[in-house]
Every structure is written in structure tokens, then in C-alpha cells.
Amino acid sequence: MIRIAALFFCVALAFGAADEVVFGGIPSIRIDADGKDSVRVELSEQGGKKYECRIVGRGKKYFWASRANRELIRSDSGDFTYFISPEGTGYVKISLAKGGNFDYMESFTTDLKTVTYWGKRNQGQ
């Protein structure tokens, strides 16, 4: 009986572990490119919220919560933090400097097309 209770407790802890939001940002610019054409779109506040970038931490791992929870690798280099998909499908580059037009860029591929967003981090991050 004690073993069953201990097992239940461990399973509950594993499933109950909350995600820690590591980064959140709202884009204001989107660019779609396919090798022939590039289309630049300025996003409204509502449109930006629809494409919010969100990265969460679970234990010692990172996940691209806004992109199907793809696992990411974190790399810190100079004035930037990078979260990179090991599958080669995209990355998020975050500026540690304050005051620029953009705080981050998020880029990912679908087929032979790329989508890139530029935006500002959420308040308090």
C-alpha cells in the first residue's frame, strides 16, 4: 500500500510540474519569404497577440510553447540569448540590450519557405 501511495505521489509530481515561462514576446512585423518573393506585413496589436512567441522551461529543458512545444537548445552569446531547434526548423534570438526597435526575432521554416517575426518582449521580462 505504501508503494502504491509513493508511486501515485511521484506521478502526480511529474504531471503537476508547472512550466516556467522563460520568454514571451509580441511581434509587430512578419516577413514571409520563399526564394522568389518576400512579403512584409506590419501586424496590428491584435495580430501580434495571435502570433505571440512563448518559450517555457521544464526542469533543465526548454520548449517552444507557441510552436507545438518543440524542444529547444539554449545558447548565451554576448548580448544575445538563442533558443535553437535541434531539428533545424527555427530559432528565437533575444537581445539582452534595452532600447532598440525590437527585442527579439523568431524565424522558422515550413517546406522551403521562411517566416520571421520581429517584436518586443512582454512587460516584466
C-alpha atoms as a PDB file:
ATOM      1  CA  MET A   1       0.000   0.000   0.000  1.00  0.00           C
ATOM      2  CA  ILE A   2       2.840   2.383   0.835  1.00  0.00           C
ATOM      3  CA  ARG A   3       4.480   1.617  -2.521  1.00  0.00           C
ATOM      4  CA  ILE A   4       1.281   2.451  -4.368  1.00  0.00           C
ATOM      5  CA  ALA A   5       0.937   5.728  -2.469  1.00  0.00           C
ATOM      6  CA  ALA A   6       4.587   6.613  -3.198  1.00  0.00           C
ATOM      7  CA  LEU A   7       4.139   5.783  -6.892  1.00  0.00           C
ATOM      8  CA  PHE A   8       0.970   7.896  -7.065  1.00  0.00           C
ATOM      9  CA  PHE A   9       2.807  10.799  -5.392  1.00  0.00           C
ATOM     10  CA  CYS A  10       5.709  10.611  -7.888  1.00  0.00           C
ATOM     11  CA  VAL A  11       3.366  10.500 -10.873  1.00  0.00           C
ATOM     12  CA  ALA A  12       1.371  13.434  -9.505  1.00  0.00           C
ATOM     13  CA  LEU A  13       4.577  15.454  -9.102  1.00  0.00           C
ATOM     14  CA  ALA A  14       5.714  14.654 -12.641  1.00  0.00           C
ATOM     15  CA  PHE A  15       2.419  15.701 -14.210  1.00  0.00           C
ATOM     16  CA  GLY A  16       1.878  18.589 -11.845  1.00  0.00           C
ATOM     17  CA  ALA A  17       5.194  20.284 -12.593  1.00  0.00           C
ATOM     18  CA  ALA A  18       4.330  23.719 -13.915  1.00  0.00           C
ATOM     19  CA  ASP A  19       6.022  25.226 -16.936  1.00  0.00           C
ATOM     20  CA  GLU A  20       8.164  28.265 -16.181  1.00  0.00           C
ATOM     21  CA  VAL A  21       7.752  30.988 -18.797  1.00  0.00           C
ATOM     22  CA  VAL A  22      11.315  31.825 -19.843  1.00  0.00           C
ATOM     23  CA  PHE A  23      10.427  34.269 -22.611  1.00  0.00           C
ATOM     24  CA  GLY A  24       7.331  35.838 -24.076  1.00  0.00           C
ATOM     25  CA  GLY A  25       7.128  38.408 -26.841  1.00  0.00           C
ATOM     26  CA  ILE A  26       4.620  40.017 -29.172  1.00  0.00           C
ATOM     27  CA  PRO A  27       5.683  40.596 -32.785  1.00  0.00           C
ATOM     28  CA  SER A  28       4.914  43.729 -34.769  1.00  0.00           C
ATOM     29  CA  ILE A  29       6.492  42.685 -38.099  1.00  0.00           C
ATOM     30  CA  ARG A  30       6.163  39.447 -40.085  1.00  0.00           C
ATOM     31  CA  ILE A  31       8.123  38.588 -43.211  1.00  0.00           C
ATOM     32  CA  ASP A  32       7.360  35.567 -45.379  1.00  0.00           C
ATOM     33  CA  ALA A  33       9.981  34.558 -47.955  1.00  0.00           C
ATOM     34  CA  ASP A  34      10.178  31.706 -50.457  1.00  0.00           C
ATOM     35  CA  GLY A  35      13.268  32.439 -52.569  1.00  0.00           C
ATOM     36  CA  LYS A  36      11.326  34.343 -55.213  1.00  0.00           C
ATOM     37  CA  ASP A  37       9.320  36.818 -53.164  1.00  0.00           C
ATOM     38  CA  SER A  38       9.312  38.380 -49.734  1.00  0.00           C
ATOM     39  CA  VAL A  39       6.193  39.840 -48.158  1.00  0.00           C
ATOM     40  CA  ARG A  40       6.475  42.233 -45.207  1.00  0.00           C
ATOM     41  CA  VAL A  41       3.407  42.738 -43.011  1.00  0.00           C
ATOM     42  CA  GLU A  42       3.040  45.184 -40.135  1.00  0.00           C
ATOM     43  CA  LEU A  43       0.911  43.445 -37.526  1.00  0.00           C
ATOM     44  CA  SER A  44      -1.796  45.154 -35.525  1.00  0.00           C
ATOM     45  CA  GLU A  45      -1.785  44.738 -31.754  1.00  0.00           C
ATOM     46  CA  GLN A  46      -4.455  42.049 -32.135  1.00  0.00           C
ATOM     47  CA  GLY A  47      -2.496  40.367 -34.948  1.00  0.00           C
ATOM     48  CA  GLY A  48       0.675  40.405 -32.878  1.00  0.00           C
ATOM     49  CA  LYS A  49      -1.037  38.684 -29.962  1.00  0.00           C
ATOM     50  CA  LYS A  50      -2.180  35.949 -32.340  1.00  0.00           C
ATOM     51  CA  TYR A  51       1.493  35.186 -33.154  1.00  0.00           C
ATOM     52  CA  GLU A  52       2.931  35.558 -29.650  1.00  0.00           C
ATOM     53  CA  CYS A  53       6.288  33.854 -29.092  1.00  0.00           C
ATOM     54  CA  ARG A  54       6.433  31.798 -25.889  1.00  0.00           C
ATOM     55  CA  ILE A  55       9.288  29.684 -24.548  1.00  0.00           C
ATOM     56  CA  VAL A  56       8.909  27.643 -21.378  1.00  0.00           C
ATOM     57  CA  GLY A  57      11.283  25.701 -19.195  1.00  0.00           C
ATOM     58  CA  ARG A  58      10.550  22.267 -17.741  1.00  0.00           C
ATOM     59  CA  GLY A  59      13.300  21.158 -15.456  1.00  0.00           C
ATOM     60  CA  LYS A  60      16.516  21.652 -17.426  1.00  0.00           C
ATOM     61  CA  LYS A  61      14.840  21.600 -20.855  1.00  0.00           C
ATOM     62  CA  TYR A  62      13.293  24.369 -22.955  1.00  0.00           C
ATOM     63  CA  PHE A  63      10.250  24.191 -25.222  1.00  0.00           C
ATOM     64  CA  TRP A  64       8.832  26.462 -27.921  1.00  0.00           C
ATOM     65  CA  ALA A  65       5.334  26.556 -26.447  1.00  0.00           C
ATOM     66  CA  SER A  66       3.981  28.692 -29.280  1.00  0.00           C
ATOM     67  CA  ARG A  67       5.293  26.259 -31.926  1.00  0.00           C
ATOM     68  CA  ALA A  68       3.894  22.839 -30.988  1.00  0.00           C
ATOM     69  CA  ASN A  69       6.141  22.522 -27.913  1.00  0.00           C
ATOM     70  CA  ARG A  70       9.254  21.765 -29.974  1.00  0.00           C
ATOM     71  CA  GLU A  71      12.266  21.182 -27.766  1.00  0.00           C
ATOM     72  CA  LEU A  72      14.902  23.938 -27.915  1.00  0.00           C
ATOM     73  CA  ILE A  73      18.570  24.268 -27.026  1.00  0.00           C
ATOM     74  CA  ARG A  74      19.612  27.436 -25.200  1.00  0.00           C
ATOM     75  CA  SER A  75      22.831  29.249 -26.087  1.00  0.00           C
ATOM     76  CA  ASP A  76      24.006  32.506 -24.477  1.00  0.00           C
ATOM     77  CA  SER A  77      26.491  34.559 -26.503  1.00  0.00           C
ATOM     78  CA  GLY A  78      27.425  38.178 -25.810  1.00  0.00           C
ATOM     79  CA  ASP A  79      24.372  40.431 -25.944  1.00  0.00           C
ATOM     80  CA  PHE A  80      22.050  37.674 -27.178  1.00  0.00           C
ATOM     81  CA  THR A  81      20.328  34.540 -25.968  1.00  0.00           C
ATOM     82  CA  TYR A  82      19.432  31.988 -28.637  1.00  0.00           C
ATOM     83  CA  PHE A  83      16.875  29.187 -28.445  1.00  0.00           C
ATOM     84  CA  ILE A  84      17.531  26.820 -31.338  1.00  0.00           C
ATOM     85  CA  SER A  85      15.514  23.880 -32.617  1.00  0.00           C
ATOM     86  CA  PRO A  86      17.823  20.842 -32.888  1.00  0.00           C
ATOM     87  CA  GLU A  87      15.657  19.675 -35.819  1.00  0.00           C
ATOM     88  CA  GLY A  88      16.817  22.709 -37.814  1.00  0.00           C
ATOM     89  CA  THR A  89      13.285  24.115 -38.057  1.00  0.00           C
ATOM     90  CA  GLY A  90      13.931  27.501 -36.468  1.00  0.00           C
ATOM     91  CA  TYR A  91      15.243  29.669 -33.676  1.00  0.00           C
ATOM     92  CA  VAL A  92      14.496  32.627 -31.421  1.00  0.00           C
ATOM     93  CA  LYS A  93      17.176  35.304 -30.937  1.00  0.00           C
ATOM     94  CA  ILE A  94      16.664  37.586 -27.932  1.00  0.00           C
ATOM     95  CA  SER A  95      18.599  40.814 -27.397  1.00  0.00           C
ATOM     96  CA  LEU A  96      19.736  41.463 -23.838  1.00  0.00           C
ATOM     97  CA  ALA A  97      20.279  45.169 -24.626  1.00  0.00           C
ATOM     98  CA  LYS A  98      17.435  47.578 -23.957  1.00  0.00           C
ATOM     99  CA  GLY A  99      16.129  50.379 -26.122  1.00  0.00           C
ATOM    100  CA  GLY A 100      16.201  49.064 -29.684  1.00  0.00           C
ATOM    101  CA  ASN A 101      13.294  48.892 -32.107  1.00  0.00           C
ATOM    102  CA  PHE A 102      12.995  45.150 -31.469  1.00  0.00           C
ATOM    103  CA  ASP A 103      13.883  42.869 -28.548  1.00  0.00           C
ATOM    104  CA  TYR A 104      13.747  39.586 -30.423  1.00  0.00           C
ATOM    105  CA  MET A 105      13.388  37.842 -33.734  1.00  0.00           C
ATOM    106  CA  GLU A 106      11.766  34.468 -34.287  1.00  0.00           C
ATOM    107  CA  SER A 107      12.381  32.561 -37.500  1.00  0.00           C
ATOM    108  CA  PHE A 108      11.201  29.159 -38.650  1.00  0.00           C
ATOM    109  CA  THR A 109      10.832  27.198 -41.848  1.00  0.00           C
ATOM    110  CA  THR A 110       7.977  25.345 -43.466  1.00  0.00           C
ATOM    111  CA  ASP A 111       8.827  23.445 -46.626  1.00  0.00           C
ATOM    112  CA  LEU A 112      11.267  25.768 -48.458  1.00  0.00           C
ATOM    113  CA  LYS A 113       9.710  28.931 -47.033  1.00  0.00           C
ATOM    114  CA  THR A 114      10.700  31.014 -44.034  1.00  0.00           C
ATOM    115  CA  VAL A 115       8.594  33.055 -41.654  1.00  0.00           C
ATOM    116  CA  THR A 116      10.325  35.644 -39.496  1.00  0.00           C
ATOM    117  CA  TYR A 117       8.807  37.821 -36.779  1.00  0.00           C
ATOM    118  CA  TRP A 118      10.353  40.847 -35.050  1.00  0.00           C
ATOM    119  CA  GLY A 119       8.899  42.121 -31.814  1.00  0.00           C
ATOM    120  CA  LYS A 120       9.166  43.287 -28.226  1.00  0.00           C
ATOM    121  CA  ARG A 121       9.320  41.143 -25.095  1.00  0.00           C
ATOM    122  CA  ASN A 122       6.290  41.077 -22.809  1.00  0.00           C
ATOM    123  CA  GLN A 123       6.236  43.523 -19.905  1.00  0.00           C
ATOM    124  CA  GLY A 124       8.148  42.314 -16.864  1.00  0.00           C
ATOM    125  CA  GLN A 125      10.524  40.025 -18.800  1.00  0.00           C
END
